[in-house]
């Protein structure tokens, strides 16, 4: 079980990751609006966004209490 300090730390980290993920959405959309765009840069941004999504899911699972059925 995690304590309150660790929970608060995880929530701050989660919030930062969610903001970065949302910002990458904006960057990717703007990049795709400009033609021609750099496919390699676009792939790297999408890969980073996917990694952030995985990190967010992991942190959310750590913050969700286990429920015994």
PDB file of N, CA and C in Angstrom:
ATOM      1  N   UNK A   1       0.848  -1.183   0.000  1.00  0.00           N
ATOM      2  CA  UNK A   1       0.000   0.000   0.000  1.00  0.00           C
ATOM      3  C   UNK A   1       0.893   1.245   0.000  1.00  0.00           C
ATOM      4  N   UNK A   2       0.471   2.264  -0.720  1.00  0.00           N
ATOM      5  CA  UNK A   2       1.277   3.473  -0.808  1.00  0.00           C
ATOM      6  C   UNK A   2       0.755   4.527   0.166  1.00  0.00           C
ATOM      7  N   UNK A   3       1.676   5.340   0.666  1.00  0.00           N
ATOM      8  CA  UNK A   3       1.300   6.369   1.637  1.00  0.00           C
ATOM      9  C   UNK A   3       0.839   7.649   0.927  1.00  0.00           C
ATOM     10  N   UNK A   4       0.384   8.624   1.711  1.00  0.00           N
ATOM     11  CA  UNK A   4      -0.162   9.861   1.143  1.00  0.00           C
ATOM     12  C   UNK A   4       0.866  10.659   0.357  1.00  0.00           C
ATOM     13  N   UNK A   5       2.110  10.709   0.855  1.00  0.00           N
ATOM     14  CA  UNK A   5       3.148  11.454   0.134  1.00  0.00           C
ATOM     15  C   UNK A   5       3.414  10.844  -1.229  1.00  0.00           C
ATOM     16  N   UNK A   6       3.486   9.529  -1.281  1.00  0.00           N
ATOM     17  CA  UNK A   6       3.733   8.858  -2.555  1.00  0.00           C
ATOM     18  C   UNK A   6       2.528   9.032  -3.487  1.00  0.00           C
ATOM     19  N   UNK A   7       1.328   8.976  -2.932  1.00  0.00           N
ATOM     20  CA  UNK A   7       0.118   9.179  -3.730  1.00  0.00           C
ATOM     21  C   UNK A   7       0.115  10.568  -4.350  1.00  0.00           C
ATOM     22  N   UNK A   8       0.436  11.578  -3.548  1.00  0.00           N
ATOM     23  CA  UNK A   8       0.483  12.946  -4.069  1.00  0.00           C
ATOM     24  C   UNK A   8       1.553  13.098  -5.139  1.00  0.00           C
ATOM     25  N   UNK A   9       2.681  12.473  -4.926  1.00  0.00           N
ATOM     26  CA  UNK A   9       3.765  12.522  -5.909  1.00  0.00           C
ATOM     27  C   UNK A   9       3.332  11.863  -7.215  1.00  0.00           C
ATOM     28  N   UNK A  10       2.676  10.712  -7.117  1.00  0.00           N
ATOM     29  CA  UNK A  10       2.208  10.011  -8.311  1.00  0.00           C
ATOM     30  C   UNK A  10       1.151  10.832  -9.048  1.00  0.00           C
ATOM     31  N   UNK A  11       0.290  11.506  -8.306  1.00  0.00           N
ATOM     32  CA  UNK A  11      -0.748  12.323  -8.944  1.00  0.00           C
ATOM     33  C   UNK A  11      -0.146  13.522  -9.675  1.00  0.00           C
ATOM     34  N   UNK A  12       0.873  14.131  -9.074  1.00  0.00           N
ATOM     35  CA  UNK A  12       1.544  15.250  -9.749  1.00  0.00           C
ATOM     36  C   UNK A  12       2.223  14.769 -11.025  1.00  0.00           C
ATOM     37  N   UNK A  13       2.881  13.622 -10.942  1.00  0.00           N
ATOM     38  CA  UNK A  13       3.549  13.049 -12.117  1.00  0.00           C
ATOM     39  C   UNK A  13       2.517  12.706 -13.191  1.00  0.00           C
ATOM     40  N   UNK A  14       1.406  12.134 -12.769  1.00  0.00           N
ATOM     41  CA  UNK A  14       0.338  11.771 -13.698  1.00  0.00           C
ATOM     42  C   UNK A  14      -0.192  13.014 -14.411  1.00  0.00           C
ATOM     43  N   UNK A  15      -0.413  14.071 -13.658  1.00  0.00           N
ATOM     44  CA  UNK A  15      -0.914  15.323 -14.245  1.00  0.00           C
ATOM     45  C   UNK A  15       0.081  15.882 -15.266  1.00  0.00           C
ATOM     46  N   UNK A  16       1.366  15.829 -14.938  1.00  0.00           N
ATOM     47  CA  UNK A  16       2.393  16.327 -15.855  1.00  0.00           C
ATOM     48  C   UNK A  16       2.420  15.497 -17.144  1.00  0.00           C
ATOM     49  N   UNK A  17       2.292  14.185 -17.007  1.00  0.00           N
ATOM     50  CA  UNK A  17       2.292  13.312 -18.189  1.00  0.00           C
ATOM     51  C   UNK A  17       1.059  13.564 -19.054  1.00  0.00           C
ATOM     52  N   UNK A  18      -0.073  13.788 -18.415  1.00  0.00           N
ATOM     53  CA  UNK A  18      -1.305  14.058 -19.171  1.00  0.00           C
ATOM     54  C   UNK A  18      -1.216  15.389 -19.926  1.00  0.00           C
ATOM     55  N   UNK A  19      -0.590  16.368 -19.312  1.00  0.00           N
ATOM     56  CA  UNK A  19      -0.395  17.657 -19.982  1.00  0.00           C
ATOM     57  C   UNK A  19       0.536  17.491 -21.180  1.00  0.00           C
ATOM     58  N   UNK A  20       1.629  16.758 -20.985  1.00  0.00           N
ATOM     59  CA  UNK A  20       2.565  16.530 -22.091  1.00  0.00           C
ATOM     60  C   UNK A  20       1.885  15.764 -23.223  1.00  0.00           C
ATOM     61  N   UNK A  21       1.059  14.783 -22.882  1.00  0.00           N
ATOM     62  CA  UNK A  21       0.339  13.996 -23.882  1.00  0.00           C
ATOM     63  C   UNK A  21      -0.603  14.900 -24.690  1.00  0.00           C
ATOM     64  N   UNK A  22      -1.319  15.774 -23.995  1.00  0.00           N
ATOM     65  CA  UNK A  22      -2.238  16.709 -24.658  1.00  0.00           C
ATOM     66  C   UNK A  22      -1.464  17.690 -25.544  1.00  0.00           C
ATOM     67  N   UNK A  23      -0.325  18.165 -25.056  1.00  0.00           N
ATOM     68  CA  UNK A  23       0.506  19.075 -25.843  1.00  0.00           C
ATOM     69  C   UNK A  23       1.023  18.401 -27.114  1.00  0.00           C
ATOM     70  N   UNK A  24       1.396  17.128 -26.997  1.00  0.00           N
ATOM     71  CA  UNK A  24       1.857  16.397 -28.182  1.00  0.00           C
ATOM     72  C   UNK A  24       0.736  16.269 -29.207  1.00  0.00           C
ATOM     73  N   UNK A  25      -0.499  16.107 -28.745  1.00  0.00           N
ATOM     74  CA  UNK A  25      -1.637  16.090 -29.668  1.00  0.00           C
ATOM     75  C   UNK A  25      -1.658  17.354 -30.508  1.00  0.00           C
ATOM     76  N   UNK A  26      -1.485  18.490 -29.842  1.00  0.00           N
ATOM     77  CA  UNK A  26      -1.498  19.779 -30.539  1.00  0.00           C
ATOM     78  C   UNK A  26      -0.338  19.895 -31.522  1.00  0.00           C
ATOM     79  N   UNK A  27       0.839  19.490 -31.083  1.00  0.00           N
ATOM     80  CA  UNK A  27       2.026  19.571 -31.953  1.00  0.00           C
ATOM     81  C   UNK A  27       1.845  18.690 -33.182  1.00  0.00           C
ATOM     82  N   UNK A  28       1.352  17.476 -32.984  1.00  0.00           N
ATOM     83  CA  UNK A  28       1.147  16.550 -34.100  1.00  0.00           C
ATOM     84  C   UNK A  28       0.114  17.115 -35.071  1.00  0.00           C
ATOM     85  N   UNK A  29      -0.969  17.669 -34.554  1.00  0.00           N
ATOM     86  CA  UNK A  29      -2.004  18.243 -35.418  1.00  0.00           C
ATOM     87  C   UNK A  29      -1.454  19.414 -36.231  1.00  0.00           C
ATOM     88  N   UNK A  30      -0.680  20.285 -35.574  1.00  0.00           N
ATOM     89  CA  UNK A  30      -0.100  21.426 -36.304  1.00  0.00           C
ATOM     90  C   UNK A  30       0.902  20.968 -37.354  1.00  0.00           C
ATOM     91  N   UNK A  31       1.683  19.944 -37.016  1.00  0.00           N
ATOM     92  CA  UNK A  31       2.673  19.428 -37.963  1.00  0.00           C
ATOM     93  C   UNK A  31       1.989  18.847 -39.198  1.00  0.00           C
ATOM     94  N   UNK A  32       0.888  18.157 -38.986  1.00  0.00           N
ATOM     95  CA  UNK A  32       0.186  17.536 -40.113  1.00  0.00           C
ATOM     96  C   UNK A  32      -0.554  18.566 -40.970  1.00  0.00           C
ATOM     97  N   UNK A  33      -0.826  19.741 -40.401  1.00  0.00           N
ATOM     98  CA  UNK A  33      -1.481  20.797 -41.174  1.00  0.00           C
ATOM     99  C   UNK A  33      -0.534  21.472 -42.151  1.00  0.00           C
ATOM    100  N   UNK A  34       0.755  21.392 -41.871  1.00  0.00           N
ATOM    101  CA  UNK A  34       1.742  22.025 -42.750  1.00  0.00           C
ATOM    102  C   UNK A  34       2.260  20.990 -43.742  1.00  0.00           C
ATOM    103  N   UNK A  35       2.159  21.321 -45.003  1.00  0.00           N
ATOM    104  CA  UNK A  35       2.631  20.395 -46.021  1.00  0.00           C
ATOM    105  C   UNK A  35       3.847  20.993 -46.688  1.00  0.00           C
ATOM    106  N   UNK A  36       4.852  20.280 -47.014  1.00  0.00           N
ATOM    107  CA  UNK A  36       5.088  18.887 -46.591  1.00  0.00           C
ATOM    108  C   UNK A  36       5.631  18.866 -45.169  1.00  0.00           C
ATOM    109  N   UNK A  37       5.385  17.769 -44.484  1.00  0.00           N
ATOM    110  CA  UNK A  37       5.878  17.642 -43.115  1.00  0.00           C
ATOM    111  C   UNK A  37       6.871  16.498 -43.014  1.00  0.00           C
ATOM    112  N   UNK A  38       7.670  16.538 -41.986  1.00  0.00           N
ATOM    113  CA  UNK A  38       8.740  15.578 -41.763  1.00  0.00           C
ATOM    114  C   UNK A  38       8.159  14.294 -41.168  1.00  0.00           C
ATOM    115  N   UNK A  39       8.123  13.251 -41.974  1.00  0.00           N
ATOM    116  CA  UNK A  39       7.550  11.975 -41.528  1.00  0.00           C
ATOM    117  C   UNK A  39       8.321  11.382 -40.352  1.00  0.00           C
ATOM    118  N   UNK A  40       9.641  11.515 -40.343  1.00  0.00           N
ATOM    119  CA  UNK A  40      10.443  10.974 -39.255  1.00  0.00           C
ATOM    120  C   UNK A  40      10.111  11.677 -37.944  1.00  0.00           C
ATOM    121  N   UNK A  41       9.992  12.996 -37.991  1.00  0.00           N
ATOM    122  CA  UNK A  41       9.628  13.756 -36.799  1.00  0.00           C
ATOM    123  C   UNK A  41       8.225  13.356 -36.323  1.00  0.00           C
ATOM    124  N   UNK A  42       7.305  13.191 -37.257  1.00  0.00           N
ATOM    125  CA  UNK A  42       5.945  12.797 -36.920  1.00  0.00           C
ATOM    126  C   UNK A  42       5.929  11.419 -36.248  1.00  0.00           C
ATOM    127  N   UNK A  43       6.696  10.486 -36.772  1.00  0.00           N
ATOM    128  CA  UNK A  43       6.769   9.150 -36.175  1.00  0.00           C
ATOM    129  C   UNK A  43       7.342   9.203 -34.763  1.00  0.00           C
ATOM    130  N   UNK A  44       8.359  10.017 -34.567  1.00  0.00           N
ATOM    131  CA  UNK A  44       8.963  10.147 -33.230  1.00  0.00           C
ATOM    132  C   UNK A  44       7.974  10.747 -32.235  1.00  0.00           C
ATOM    133  N   UNK A  45       7.227  11.758 -32.670  1.00  0.00           N
ATOM    134  CA  UNK A  45       6.236  12.375 -31.795  1.00  0.00           C
ATOM    135  C   UNK A  45       5.132  11.386 -31.429  1.00  0.00           C
ATOM    136  N   UNK A  46       4.688  10.623 -32.412  1.00  0.00           N
ATOM    137  CA  UNK A  46       3.638   9.636 -32.148  1.00  0.00           C
ATOM    138  C   UNK A  46       4.148   8.520 -31.218  1.00  0.00           C
ATOM    139  N   UNK A  47       5.397   8.138 -31.398  1.00  0.00           N
ATOM    140  CA  UNK A  47       5.982   7.110 -30.529  1.00  0.00           C
ATOM    141  C   UNK A  47       6.085   7.621 -29.091  1.00  0.00           C
ATOM    142  N   UNK A  48       6.492   8.877 -28.939  1.00  0.00           N
ATOM    143  CA  UNK A  48       6.565   9.489 -27.599  1.00  0.00           C
ATOM    144  C   UNK A  48       5.175   9.578 -26.977  1.00  0.00           C
ATOM    145  N   UNK A  49       4.185   9.937 -27.789  1.00  0.00           N
ATOM    146  CA  UNK A  49       2.813  10.038 -27.297  1.00  0.00           C
ATOM    147  C   UNK A  49       2.310   8.669 -26.826  1.00  0.00           C
ATOM    148  N   UNK A  50       2.628   7.622 -27.556  1.00  0.00           N
ATOM    149  CA  UNK A  50       2.226   6.272 -27.165  1.00  0.00           C
ATOM    150  C   UNK A  50       2.912   5.842 -25.871  1.00  0.00           C
ATOM    151  N   UNK A  51       4.187   6.179 -25.722  1.00  0.00           N
ATOM    152  CA  UNK A  51       4.911   5.864 -24.491  1.00  0.00           C
ATOM    153  C   UNK A  51       4.293   6.609 -23.307  1.00  0.00           C
ATOM    154  N   UNK A  52       3.909   7.856 -23.526  1.00  0.00           N
ATOM    155  CA  UNK A  52       3.246   8.623 -22.470  1.00  0.00           C
ATOM    156  C   UNK A  52       1.918   7.980 -22.081  1.00  0.00           C
ATOM    157  N   UNK A  53       1.189   7.503 -23.076  1.00  0.00           N
ATOM    158  CA  UNK A  53      -0.091   6.839 -22.802  1.00  0.00           C
ATOM    159  C   UNK A  53       0.122   5.609 -21.924  1.00  0.00           C
ATOM    160  N   UNK A  54       1.162   4.844 -22.212  1.00  0.00           N
ATOM    161  CA  UNK A  54       1.483   3.668 -21.398  1.00  0.00           C
ATOM    162  C   UNK A  54       1.865   4.069 -19.974  1.00  0.00           C
ATOM    163  N   UNK A  55       2.675   5.115 -19.848  1.00  0.00           N
ATOM    164  CA  UNK A  55       3.073   5.601 -18.516  1.00  0.00           C
ATOM    165  C   UNK A  55       1.865   6.097 -17.727  1.00  0.00           C
ATOM    166  N   UNK A  56       0.956   6.785 -18.404  1.00  0.00           N
ATOM    167  CA  UNK A  56      -0.256   7.285 -17.757  1.00  0.00           C
ATOM    168  C   UNK A  56      -1.103   6.117 -17.254  1.00  0.00           C
ATOM    169  N   UNK A  57      -1.273   5.101 -18.081  1.00  0.00           N
ATOM    170  CA  UNK A  57      -2.064   3.935 -17.686  1.00  0.00           C
ATOM    171  C   UNK A  57      -1.427   3.234 -16.486  1.00  0.00           C
ATOM    172  N   UNK A  58      -0.112   3.141 -16.494  1.00  0.00           N
ATOM    173  CA  UNK A  58       0.599   2.494 -15.381  1.00  0.00           C
ATOM    174  C   UNK A  58       0.386   3.276 -14.077  1.00  0.00           C
ATOM    175  N   UNK A  59       0.537   4.588 -14.136  1.00  0.00           N
ATOM    176  CA  UNK A  59       0.345   5.403 -12.936  1.00  0.00           C
ATOM    177  C   UNK A  59      -1.107   5.352 -12.457  1.00  0.00           C
ATOM    178  N   UNK A  60      -2.043   5.369 -13.377  1.00  0.00           N
ATOM    179  CA  UNK A  60      -3.440   5.289 -12.988  1.00  0.00           C
ATOM    180  C   UNK A  60      -3.740   3.966 -12.294  1.00  0.00           C
ATOM    181  N   UNK A  61      -3.138   2.889 -12.768  1.00  0.00           N
ATOM    182  CA  UNK A  61      -3.366   1.593 -12.128  1.00  0.00           C
ATOM    183  C   UNK A  61      -2.748   1.542 -10.736  1.00  0.00           C
ATOM    184  N   UNK A  62      -1.623   2.244 -10.537  1.00  0.00           N
ATOM    185  CA  UNK A  62      -1.011   2.295  -9.206  1.00  0.00           C
ATOM    186  C   UNK A  62      -1.841   3.119  -8.239  1.00  0.00           C
ATOM    187  N   UNK A  63      -2.548   4.121  -8.758  1.00  0.00           N
ATOM    188  CA  UNK A  63      -3.355   4.988  -7.894  1.00  0.00           C
ATOM    189  C   UNK A  63      -4.741   4.390  -7.597  1.00  0.00           C
ATOM    190  N   UNK A  64      -5.173   3.445  -8.422  1.00  0.00           N
ATOM    191  CA  UNK A  64      -6.457   2.826  -8.205  1.00  0.00           C
ATOM    192  C   UNK A  64      -6.321   1.715  -7.163  1.00  0.00           C
ATOM    193  N   UNK A  65      -7.102   1.791  -6.089  1.00  0.00           N
ATOM    194  CA  UNK A  65      -6.971   0.769  -5.061  1.00  0.00           C
ATOM    195  C   UNK A  65      -7.447  -0.597  -5.553  1.00  0.00           C
ATOM    196  N   UNK A  66      -6.808  -1.630  -5.072  1.00  0.00           N
ATOM    197  CA  UNK A  66      -7.219  -2.986  -5.394  1.00  0.00           C
ATOM    198  C   UNK A  66      -8.513  -3.292  -4.647  1.00  0.00           C
ATOM    199  N   UNK A  67      -9.482  -3.801  -5.377  1.00  0.00           N
ATOM    200  CA  UNK A  67     -10.763  -4.157  -4.771  1.00  0.00           C
ATOM    201  C   UNK A  67     -10.866  -5.669  -4.759  1.00  0.00           C
ATOM    202  N   UNK A  68     -11.045  -6.201  -3.581  1.00  0.00           N
ATOM    203  CA  UNK A  68     -11.180  -7.643  -3.450  1.00  0.00           C
ATOM    204  C   UNK A  68     -12.645  -8.002  -3.718  1.00  0.00           C
ATOM    205  N   UNK A  69     -12.829  -8.857  -4.717  1.00  0.00           N
ATOM    206  CA  UNK A  69     -14.200  -9.231  -5.103  1.00  0.00           C
ATOM    207  C   UNK A  69     -14.693 -10.391  -4.282  1.00  0.00           C
TER     208      UNK A  69
END
